[in-house]
């Protein structure tokens, strides 16, 4: 049985080509960590972890933390047993390691390579492409920047677009949505994301105002606090013309409560493969569609392809694909799922030598 023998950590600071953000935060850099796990046959599984709002620790500190938190249990283990194990979150172990998404992705990547299967096939996919929407992360962008971004996305073949809202001034939100609508056309599907900017009652007021202004939204994402399940359900019932999308900020337990309390119309999940598949199956049991939010280098496309109820993948045109040999490709508004063994996302030869930032 193959065993994980060693690991490599690399730290990057990505200079973005625009200011990204929402009604709560903004950023011009992306802090990215890459974990590579090598097994005894020389296969290398790759995983990613990142932060937008603050820098990752230095590479030296990352190494120390990895050794202390993870290495003892990981090195020498089988990628199959690690990927498929069940943890019991109890007491002091109820926490999320900074390395968790990277480990999850790397061990699944190793499994796919050992079985010579693309990850999405290993997860049970029947699809080779997934519908995608262009997401500007545009709250802090000027009107000219918004115009340029959505015009570029439209020219690239996208027909669905998500705009950031949640400004204190309702008129600002309406003007921004109208601007986007004028660029992408009235036949395009338009979503909006408030990032928990409002109370439930204010959410209902705003959504009716958008609708009255002639801006039909396909969904509103995170209109109120993430764990206000009663509030989210109230919004969904009071605004029948717009779906409520939520779950981005919640762990498995919170997502389960969203589903069980019928507090969400579209469940937002992310790039943790194990967690996304578990909650995706539960959502299917309740007949609730899911969407895949932003994930590092769009690795979530494999999850989306494997979940029949996943109707959307978020794509934000972040300027970091130069770090990979072959990024996920998009065509006519669809993400094309890589058919290479594992998830198929590998660091480019030049990435470590030219772009790594250990401090």
Protein backbone atom coordinates (compact mmCIF):
# COMPACT_ATOMS: atom_id res chain seq x y z
CA UNK A 1 0.00 0.00 0.00
CA UNK A 2 1.31 3.42 -0.94
CA UNK A 3 2.35 5.71 1.90
CA UNK A 4 2.90 9.46 2.11
CA UNK A 5 6.62 9.97 2.68
CA UNK A 6 7.30 13.70 2.63
CA UNK A 7 5.83 17.11 2.09
CA UNK A 8 6.75 20.50 0.66
CA UNK A 9 5.19 23.84 1.60
CA UNK A 10 5.43 26.93 -0.60
CA UNK A 11 4.12 30.39 0.19
CA UNK A 12 3.05 32.96 -2.42
CA UNK A 13 1.85 36.55 -2.36
CA UNK A 14 -0.23 37.26 -5.47
CA UNK A 15 -0.59 40.86 -6.63
CA UNK A 16 -4.12 41.13 -7.98
CA UNK A 17 -4.97 43.13 -11.09
CA UNK A 18 -7.82 44.94 -9.33
CA UNK A 19 -9.11 45.64 -5.85
CA UNK A 20 -11.43 42.83 -4.87
CA UNK A 21 -13.88 42.84 -1.99
CA UNK A 22 -17.40 43.17 -0.72
CA UNK A 23 -19.43 45.31 1.66
CA UNK A 24 -17.19 44.26 4.55
CA UNK A 25 -13.62 43.83 3.23
CA UNK A 26 -11.27 44.78 0.40
CA UNK A 27 -7.90 43.45 -0.78
CA UNK A 28 -5.30 43.96 -3.47
CA UNK A 29 -3.25 40.84 -2.61
CA UNK A 30 -3.98 37.15 -2.21
CA UNK A 31 -1.88 35.13 0.24
CA UNK A 32 -1.59 31.57 -1.05
CA UNK A 33 -0.06 28.43 0.41
CA UNK A 34 0.64 25.27 -1.58
CA UNK A 35 1.10 21.86 0.04
CA UNK A 36 2.66 19.03 -1.95
CA UNK A 37 2.56 15.48 -0.55
CA UNK A 38 4.85 12.88 -2.13
CA UNK A 39 4.25 9.15 -1.77
CA UNK A 40 6.74 6.28 -1.88
CA UNK A 41 6.26 5.86 -5.65
CA UNK A 42 7.02 9.50 -6.46
CA UNK A 43 3.46 10.70 -7.03
CA UNK A 44 2.89 14.26 -5.82
CA UNK A 45 -0.51 15.37 -4.59
CA UNK A 46 -1.11 19.13 -4.52
CA UNK A 47 -3.38 21.15 -2.26
CA UNK A 48 -4.04 24.85 -1.72
CA UNK A 49 -4.92 27.11 1.21
CA UNK A 50 -5.23 30.87 1.16
CA UNK A 51 -6.17 34.06 2.94
CA UNK A 52 -7.35 37.35 1.49
CA UNK A 53 -7.77 39.66 4.46
CA UNK A 54 -4.39 39.10 6.15
CA UNK A 55 -1.02 37.51 5.29
CA UNK A 56 -0.30 33.87 5.91
CA UNK A 57 2.42 33.21 8.48
CA UNK A 58 5.97 33.10 7.16
CA UNK A 59 7.15 29.85 5.57
CA UNK A 60 9.23 29.07 8.67
CA UNK A 61 6.16 29.44 10.90
CA UNK A 62 4.05 27.38 8.49
CA UNK A 63 6.65 24.60 8.67
CA UNK A 64 6.62 24.67 12.48
CA UNK A 65 2.83 24.58 12.63
CA UNK A 66 2.58 21.78 10.07
CA UNK A 67 5.01 19.66 12.07
CA UNK A 68 3.17 20.35 15.31
CA UNK A 69 -0.41 19.99 14.06
CA UNK A 70 -0.36 17.55 11.16
CA UNK A 71 2.87 15.80 10.19
CA UNK A 72 2.89 13.02 12.79
CA UNK A 73 -0.48 11.67 11.73
CA UNK A 74 -0.03 12.31 8.01
CA UNK A 75 3.48 11.15 7.13
CA UNK A 76 3.53 7.37 6.79
CA UNK A 77 -0.22 7.09 6.26
CA UNK A 78 -2.06 5.96 3.15
CA UNK A 79 -3.72 8.72 1.11
CA UNK A 80 -6.76 6.42 0.82
CA UNK A 81 -7.24 5.98 4.55
CA UNK A 82 -6.56 9.67 5.22
CA UNK A 83 -9.02 10.96 2.61
CA UNK A 84 -11.83 8.65 3.63
CA UNK A 85 -11.51 8.72 7.40
CA UNK A 86 -14.22 10.10 9.66
CA UNK A 87 -13.28 12.62 12.34
CA UNK A 88 -15.23 13.20 15.54
CA UNK A 89 -15.27 16.94 16.33
CA UNK A 90 -15.43 17.06 20.12
CA UNK A 91 -14.13 19.40 22.79
CA UNK A 92 -10.78 20.97 22.03
CA UNK A 93 -10.48 19.45 18.57
CA UNK A 94 -13.39 21.48 17.21
CA UNK A 95 -11.21 23.72 15.08
CA UNK A 96 -10.19 24.14 11.48
CA UNK A 97 -6.48 23.87 10.72
CA UNK A 98 -5.13 26.39 8.23
CA UNK A 99 -3.85 23.38 6.28
CA UNK A 100 -7.16 21.49 6.19
CA UNK A 101 -8.27 22.32 2.63
CA UNK A 102 -4.75 21.72 1.29
CA UNK A 103 -4.45 18.29 2.92
CA UNK A 104 -7.92 17.31 1.75
CA UNK A 105 -7.14 18.27 -1.84
CA UNK A 106 -3.65 16.75 -1.86
CA UNK A 107 -4.67 13.30 -0.59
CA UNK A 108 -7.59 13.12 -3.04
CA UNK A 109 -5.18 14.20 -5.78
CA UNK A 110 -2.88 11.32 -4.81
CA UNK A 111 -5.78 8.87 -4.89
CA UNK A 112 -6.72 9.94 -8.40
CA UNK A 113 -3.15 9.60 -9.62
CA UNK A 114 -2.69 6.16 -8.04
CA UNK A 115 -5.93 4.96 -9.66
CA UNK A 116 -5.14 6.85 -12.90
CA UNK A 117 -8.52 8.61 -12.73
CA UNK A 118 -9.50 12.28 -12.90
CA UNK A 119 -10.78 13.40 -9.52
CA UNK A 120 -14.29 14.17 -10.74
CA UNK A 121 -14.58 10.63 -12.16
CA UNK A 122 -13.36 9.21 -8.86
CA UNK A 123 -16.14 11.19 -7.13
CA UNK A 124 -18.75 9.77 -9.51
CA UNK A 125 -19.11 12.48 -12.14
CA UNK A 126 -20.96 11.97 -15.40
CA UNK A 127 -20.17 15.46 -16.71
CA UNK A 128 -17.25 17.08 -18.51
CA UNK A 129 -18.30 20.71 -17.99
CA UNK A 130 -20.17 22.80 -15.42
CA UNK A 131 -22.14 26.06 -15.88
CA UNK A 132 -20.18 29.00 -14.47
CA UNK A 133 -20.96 32.59 -13.57
CA UNK A 134 -18.62 35.58 -13.67
CA UNK A 135 -18.12 37.17 -10.27
CA UNK A 136 -16.53 40.62 -10.14
CA UNK A 137 -15.86 40.86 -6.38
CA UNK A 138 -16.50 44.42 -7.47
CA UNK A 139 -17.79 46.40 -4.49
CA UNK A 140 -14.75 48.71 -4.39
CA UNK A 141 -14.32 49.06 -8.14
CA UNK A 142 -15.14 52.26 -10.03
CA UNK A 143 -17.92 52.36 -12.61
CA UNK A 144 -15.33 52.25 -15.39
CA UNK A 145 -13.65 49.21 -13.83
CA UNK A 146 -17.01 47.46 -13.43
CA UNK A 147 -17.88 48.23 -17.04
CA UNK A 148 -14.56 46.80 -18.26
CA UNK A 149 -14.81 43.68 -16.10
CA UNK A 150 -18.31 42.63 -17.10
CA UNK A 151 -17.72 43.52 -20.75
CA UNK A 152 -14.69 41.21 -20.70
CA UNK A 153 -16.68 38.43 -19.04
CA UNK A 154 -19.50 38.82 -21.56
CA UNK A 155 -17.03 38.66 -24.45
CA UNK A 156 -15.58 35.46 -22.93
CA UNK A 157 -18.96 33.76 -23.30
CA UNK A 158 -20.46 34.09 -19.82
CA UNK A 159 -24.22 34.56 -19.56
CA UNK A 160 -24.56 34.74 -15.75
CA UNK A 161 -22.99 37.38 -13.51
CA UNK A 162 -22.80 38.17 -9.80
CA UNK A 163 -22.56 41.73 -8.47
CA UNK A 164 -21.64 42.86 -4.95
CA UNK A 165 -24.24 44.94 -3.12
CA UNK A 166 -24.76 46.01 0.49
CA UNK A 167 -23.92 49.70 0.32
CA UNK A 168 -25.53 51.83 3.08
CA UNK A 169 -27.19 53.84 0.31
CA UNK A 170 -29.92 51.85 -1.44
CA UNK A 171 -29.62 54.10 -4.49
CA UNK A 172 -25.94 53.08 -4.85
CA UNK A 173 -26.91 49.42 -4.97
CA UNK A 174 -29.61 50.03 -7.56
CA UNK A 175 -27.28 52.11 -9.74
CA UNK A 176 -24.55 49.44 -9.59
CA UNK A 177 -26.99 46.68 -10.50
CA UNK A 178 -28.41 48.74 -13.36
CA UNK A 179 -24.91 49.43 -14.62
CA UNK A 180 -24.10 45.72 -14.70
CA UNK A 181 -27.45 44.95 -16.32
CA UNK A 182 -26.83 47.51 -19.07
CA UNK A 183 -23.45 45.87 -19.82
CA UNK A 184 -24.45 42.20 -19.83
CA UNK A 185 -27.93 42.64 -21.29
CA UNK A 186 -31.41 41.98 -20.00
CA UNK A 187 -31.38 38.32 -21.09
CA UNK A 188 -28.43 37.51 -18.84
CA UNK A 189 -28.90 35.96 -15.41
CA UNK A 190 -27.96 38.40 -12.66
CA UNK A 191 -27.14 37.48 -9.06
CA UNK A 192 -26.16 39.71 -6.14
CA UNK A 193 -24.15 39.15 -2.97
CA UNK A 194 -24.64 41.29 0.15
CA UNK A 195 -22.14 39.51 2.45
CA UNK A 196 -24.42 39.74 5.50
CA UNK A 197 -24.92 43.50 5.16
CA UNK A 198 -28.55 43.64 6.30
CA UNK A 199 -31.15 42.55 8.82
CA UNK A 200 -33.88 40.25 7.48
CA UNK A 201 -36.39 43.11 7.24
CA UNK A 202 -33.89 45.37 5.44
CA UNK A 203 -33.10 42.48 3.10
CA UNK A 204 -36.76 42.18 2.16
CA UNK A 205 -37.03 45.95 1.66
CA UNK A 206 -34.00 46.04 -0.60
CA UNK A 207 -35.00 43.06 -2.71
CA UNK A 208 -38.42 44.56 -3.34
CA UNK A 209 -36.73 47.85 -4.26
CA UNK A 210 -34.46 46.10 -6.77
CA UNK A 211 -37.44 44.28 -8.24
CA UNK A 212 -39.49 47.47 -8.48
CA UNK A 213 -36.55 49.15 -10.25
CA UNK A 214 -36.73 46.50 -12.97
CA UNK A 215 -33.76 44.41 -11.77
CA UNK A 216 -34.85 40.78 -11.45
CA UNK A 217 -32.25 38.90 -9.42
CA UNK A 218 -31.87 35.15 -9.80
CA UNK A 219 -30.49 34.93 -6.25
CA UNK A 220 -29.38 37.07 -3.34
CA UNK A 221 -26.37 35.65 -1.51
CA UNK A 222 -25.93 35.99 2.27
CA UNK A 223 -28.40 38.86 2.79
CA UNK A 224 -28.31 38.60 6.61
CA UNK A 225 -26.20 36.91 9.29
CA UNK A 226 -25.09 33.40 8.36
CA UNK A 227 -26.65 31.66 11.38
CA UNK A 228 -29.93 33.59 11.41
CA UNK A 229 -31.80 30.60 10.05
CA UNK A 230 -35.20 32.02 10.92
CA UNK A 231 -34.29 35.30 9.23
CA UNK A 232 -33.08 33.58 6.05
CA UNK A 233 -36.26 31.53 5.89
CA UNK A 234 -38.37 34.67 6.36
CA UNK A 235 -36.55 36.39 3.48
CA UNK A 236 -37.03 33.37 1.22
CA UNK A 237 -40.78 33.28 1.94
CA UNK A 238 -41.26 37.05 1.64
CA UNK A 239 -39.41 37.42 -1.67
CA UNK A 240 -40.69 34.69 -4.02
CA UNK A 241 -39.09 36.26 -7.10
CA UNK A 242 -35.49 35.88 -5.82
CA UNK A 243 -33.77 32.77 -4.44
CA UNK A 244 -31.77 32.92 -1.21
CA UNK A 245 -28.22 31.55 -1.53
CA UNK A 246 -26.31 30.94 1.70
CA UNK A 247 -23.92 28.56 3.47
CA UNK A 248 -20.57 30.00 2.38
CA UNK A 249 -19.51 30.96 5.91
CA UNK A 250 -20.87 27.89 7.70
CA UNK A 251 -19.29 24.54 8.54
CA UNK A 252 -20.99 21.20 8.02
CA UNK A 253 -23.21 21.56 11.08
CA UNK A 254 -24.42 25.01 10.06
CA UNK A 255 -25.09 23.92 6.50
CA UNK A 256 -27.08 20.97 7.82
CA UNK A 257 -29.23 23.34 9.89
CA UNK A 258 -29.79 25.57 6.85
CA UNK A 259 -31.08 22.55 4.96
CA UNK A 260 -33.19 21.06 7.74
CA UNK A 261 -34.83 24.39 8.58
CA UNK A 262 -35.56 25.15 4.93
CA UNK A 263 -33.68 28.42 5.36
CA UNK A 264 -31.97 28.35 1.96
CA UNK A 265 -33.02 27.94 -1.67
CA UNK A 266 -29.49 27.36 -3.04
CA UNK A 267 -26.77 25.98 -0.77
CA UNK A 268 -23.32 27.53 -1.23
CA UNK A 269 -20.43 25.10 -0.75
CA UNK A 270 -16.69 25.40 -1.34
CA UNK A 271 -13.50 23.52 -2.13
CA UNK A 272 -13.15 21.01 0.75
CA UNK A 273 -13.79 17.79 -1.13
CA UNK A 274 -14.91 15.60 1.77
CA UNK A 275 -17.13 18.24 3.35
CA UNK A 276 -18.65 19.32 0.03
CA UNK A 277 -19.56 15.78 -0.98
CA UNK A 278 -21.12 15.03 2.41
CA UNK A 279 -23.28 18.13 2.46
CA UNK A 280 -24.00 17.83 -1.26
CA UNK A 281 -25.54 14.42 -0.71
CA UNK A 282 -27.64 15.75 2.17
CA UNK A 283 -28.85 18.67 0.04
CA UNK A 284 -29.88 16.19 -2.66
CA UNK A 285 -31.95 14.29 -0.09
CA UNK A 286 -33.89 17.51 0.54
CA UNK A 287 -34.12 18.55 -3.10
CA UNK A 288 -32.00 21.67 -2.60
CA UNK A 289 -29.63 22.72 -5.42
CA UNK A 290 -26.05 23.72 -4.60
CA UNK A 291 -23.58 26.19 -6.03
CA UNK A 292 -19.80 26.10 -5.80
CA UNK A 293 -18.31 29.35 -4.52
CA UNK A 294 -14.77 30.49 -5.21
CA UNK A 295 -12.15 27.79 -4.62
CA UNK A 296 -8.40 27.95 -5.17
CA UNK A 297 -7.67 27.74 -8.90
CA UNK A 298 -11.30 26.59 -9.41
CA UNK A 299 -10.49 23.13 -7.99
CA UNK A 300 -14.16 23.04 -6.98
CA UNK A 301 -15.06 22.21 -10.59
CA UNK A 302 -14.44 18.54 -9.76
CA UNK A 303 -16.95 18.69 -6.90
CA UNK A 304 -19.49 20.55 -9.02
CA UNK A 305 -19.21 17.98 -11.80
CA UNK A 306 -19.77 15.15 -9.32
CA UNK A 307 -22.89 16.63 -7.71
CA UNK A 308 -25.89 16.52 -10.10
CA UNK A 309 -27.59 19.26 -8.05
CA UNK A 310 -24.63 21.65 -8.54
CA UNK A 311 -25.86 24.10 -11.14
CA UNK A 312 -23.23 26.84 -10.81
CA UNK A 313 -19.49 27.41 -10.32
CA UNK A 314 -18.17 30.85 -9.36
CA UNK A 315 -15.29 32.30 -11.41
CA UNK A 316 -13.65 35.58 -10.42
CA UNK A 317 -10.85 36.03 -12.95
CA UNK A 318 -8.14 36.21 -10.29
CA UNK A 319 -4.68 36.91 -11.66
CA UNK A 320 -2.81 33.85 -10.43
CA UNK A 321 -3.11 31.23 -13.15
CA UNK A 322 0.53 31.84 -14.11
CA UNK A 323 1.45 29.73 -11.09
CA UNK A 324 0.00 26.58 -12.69
CA UNK A 325 1.06 24.42 -15.61
CA UNK A 326 -2.54 24.04 -16.87
CA UNK A 327 -5.33 26.03 -15.19
CA UNK A 328 -8.99 25.12 -15.48
CA UNK A 329 -10.30 26.33 -18.82
CA UNK A 330 -13.58 28.09 -19.52
CA UNK A 331 -15.55 28.00 -22.75
CA UNK A 332 -18.92 29.57 -23.62
CA UNK A 333 -19.76 30.14 -19.96
CA UNK A 334 -18.81 26.62 -18.86
CA UNK A 335 -15.89 25.38 -16.78
CA UNK A 336 -14.23 22.41 -18.47
CA UNK A 337 -13.32 19.71 -15.98
CA UNK A 338 -9.66 18.57 -16.27
CA UNK A 339 -9.35 14.95 -17.42
CA UNK A 340 -5.81 14.51 -16.11
CA UNK A 341 -5.25 12.01 -13.24
CA UNK A 342 -6.09 13.53 -9.86
CA UNK A 343 -7.34 17.09 -9.96
CA UNK A 344 -4.75 17.96 -12.61
CA UNK A 345 -3.59 21.27 -11.11
CA UNK A 346 0.21 21.39 -10.78
CA UNK A 347 2.59 24.19 -9.88
CA UNK A 348 4.47 25.47 -12.91
CA UNK A 349 8.25 24.96 -12.94
CA UNK A 350 8.77 28.72 -12.74
CA UNK A 351 6.34 29.27 -9.86
CA UNK A 352 8.65 28.36 -7.00
CA UNK A 353 11.75 30.05 -8.41
CA UNK A 354 10.11 33.28 -9.60
CA UNK A 355 7.06 33.93 -7.45
CA UNK A 356 7.49 32.20 -4.05
CA UNK A 357 7.51 34.60 -1.09
CA UNK A 358 8.69 32.81 2.07
CA UNK A 359 8.36 35.93 4.28
